[in-house]
Protein backbone atom coordinates (compact mmCIF):
# COMPACT_ATOMS: atom_id res chain seq x y z
CA MET A 1 24.58 -0.32 -1.38
CA LYS A 2 24.18 -3.65 -3.52
CA VAL A 3 20.58 -4.86 -3.86
CA PHE A 4 19.16 -7.80 -5.51
CA ASN A 5 16.48 -6.78 -8.22
CA GLY A 6 14.25 -9.78 -7.61
CA LYS A 7 11.26 -8.11 -9.95
CA ASN A 8 13.52 -7.79 -13.01
CA ALA A 9 15.08 -11.36 -12.34
CA ALA A 10 11.31 -12.80 -12.01
CA GLU A 11 10.33 -11.04 -15.30
CA ASP A 12 13.37 -12.35 -16.97
CA TYR A 13 12.72 -15.96 -15.88
CA MET A 14 8.88 -15.89 -16.42
CA SER A 15 9.47 -14.77 -19.94
CA ASN A 16 11.71 -17.51 -20.99
CA HIS A 17 9.75 -20.39 -19.10
CA THR A 18 6.67 -21.90 -19.22
CA LEU A 19 6.43 -22.63 -15.43
CA THR A 20 4.24 -19.88 -14.60
CA PHE A 21 1.29 -22.45 -14.61
CA SER A 22 3.25 -24.90 -11.93
CA THR A 23 2.78 -24.99 -8.52
CA PRO A 24 4.47 -22.41 -6.58
CA GLU A 25 6.84 -24.85 -4.99
CA LEU A 26 8.15 -26.02 -8.16
CA THR A 27 8.51 -22.56 -9.89
CA LEU A 28 10.27 -21.24 -6.81
CA MET A 29 12.85 -24.15 -6.72
CA ARG A 30 13.33 -23.94 -10.62
CA PHE A 31 13.68 -20.01 -10.32
CA ALA A 32 16.42 -20.49 -7.68
CA PHE A 33 18.27 -23.06 -9.50
CA TRP A 34 18.08 -20.74 -12.68
CA LEU A 35 19.76 -17.85 -10.58
CA GLY A 36 22.52 -20.08 -9.52
CA ASP A 37 23.48 -21.02 -13.25
CA MET A 38 26.75 -19.97 -14.48
CA VAL A 39 26.49 -17.43 -17.24
CA PRO A 40 29.33 -15.43 -19.11
CA ASP A 41 30.51 -12.30 -17.23
CA THR A 42 29.64 -9.33 -19.49
CA LYS A 43 32.52 -7.15 -17.72
CA ASN A 44 34.96 -9.86 -17.94
CA PRO A 45 35.27 -11.61 -21.23
CA GLY A 46 36.09 -15.45 -20.66
CA GLN A 47 34.79 -15.60 -16.98
CA GLN A 48 31.78 -16.85 -15.60
CA MET A 49 29.49 -15.67 -12.79
CA PRO A 50 26.23 -16.85 -11.15
CA ARG A 51 23.02 -15.29 -13.03
CA ILE A 52 21.93 -13.98 -9.77
CA MET A 53 25.02 -11.37 -10.08
CA SER A 54 23.48 -9.93 -13.26
CA PHE A 55 20.59 -8.81 -10.97
CA VAL A 56 22.46 -7.27 -8.46
CA GLU A 57 22.40 -3.34 -8.93
CA GLU A 58 24.18 -0.52 -6.72
CA LYS A 59 21.77 1.84 -5.33
CA ASP A 60 21.86 4.76 -3.07
CA PHE A 61 18.81 5.28 -0.91
CA VAL A 62 17.72 8.51 0.42
CA PRO A 63 17.44 8.71 4.27
CA VAL A 64 13.89 8.08 5.42
CA GLU A 65 12.15 10.61 7.33
CA ILE A 66 11.25 9.75 10.72
CA VAL A 67 7.64 10.05 11.61
CA ASP A 68 6.77 11.61 14.77
CA ASP A 69 3.60 10.02 16.18
CA ASP A 70 3.67 12.16 19.37
CA LYS A 71 2.45 15.33 17.53
CA PHE A 72 -0.12 15.87 14.94
CA VAL A 73 0.13 18.54 12.36
CA PRO A 74 -2.81 18.98 9.95
CA THR A 75 -2.00 19.09 6.24
CA GLY A 76 -5.16 20.95 5.23
CA ALA A 77 -6.81 18.11 3.19
CA VAL A 78 -9.97 18.24 5.44
CA LYS A 79 -11.02 21.79 5.21
CA THR A 80 -14.32 21.57 7.17
CA ILE A 81 -15.01 18.99 9.86
CA GLY A 82 -18.54 19.84 10.76
CA ASP A 83 -20.82 20.38 7.62
CA GLY A 84 -19.29 17.76 5.33
CA LEU A 85 -20.86 15.09 3.45
CA TYR A 86 -22.46 13.25 6.41
CA GLY A 87 -24.13 16.37 7.96
CA ASN A 88 -22.78 18.26 11.09
CA VAL A 89 -21.34 16.23 13.89
CA GLY A 90 -22.46 18.60 16.53
CA SER A 91 -25.93 17.95 17.99
CA ASP A 92 -26.42 21.72 19.48
CA VAL A 93 -27.75 23.36 16.54
CA GLY A 94 -30.85 25.20 18.03
CA SER A 95 -34.31 24.84 16.11
CA SER A 96 -33.05 23.18 13.11
CA SER A 97 -32.40 19.63 14.54
CA LYS A 98 -34.23 16.11 14.33
CA PHE A 99 -33.99 12.95 16.24
CA CYS A 100 -32.63 9.82 15.25
CA SER A 101 -35.16 7.25 14.21
CA GLU A 102 -33.38 4.35 15.93
CA CYS A 103 -32.20 5.59 19.27
CA GLY A 104 -33.58 9.25 19.64
CA THR A 105 -30.39 11.14 19.94
CA LYS A 106 -30.54 14.67 18.94
CA LEU A 107 -28.91 15.26 15.67
CA SER A 108 -28.41 18.12 13.22
CA ALA A 109 -31.21 18.75 10.44
CA SER A 110 -28.45 17.69 7.73
CA ALA A 111 -27.35 14.77 9.43
CA ARG A 112 -27.52 11.44 7.07
CA PHE A 113 -26.21 8.99 9.89
CA CYS A 114 -26.68 8.96 13.80
CA THR A 115 -23.51 9.83 15.62
CA GLU A 116 -24.53 7.40 18.36
CA CYS A 117 -26.00 4.00 16.68
CA GLY A 118 -24.97 4.61 13.04
CA ALA A 119 -28.57 4.37 11.76
CA THR A 120 -29.27 5.96 8.34
CA GLN A 121 -31.37 8.90 8.76
CA ASP A 122 -34.37 9.69 6.17
């Protein structure tokens, strides 16, 4: 598949011209004219081609893996869901519990935030 490498073309253009401080419309218009300029063809001596053709590359793309959103497969990135950084999500922890200072919801003793109202716990 033939693909236009716009990043290389823009870097080449900006390195040779001082239009980086102009308005975006003027820069884009001059960039388009620059891409359309006729330049010597490197593969066929004596021939000319539009400059844009020197930034067209032949690339093979690997097929993209289709993501199936209907099923969830854990990656193992999160090992513990309950006793993490913010305390235990479950409120059924027996005698080692406390209550939210804002809404009164029962929380675990290690909870830093309320699971109902989001208030920071002391």
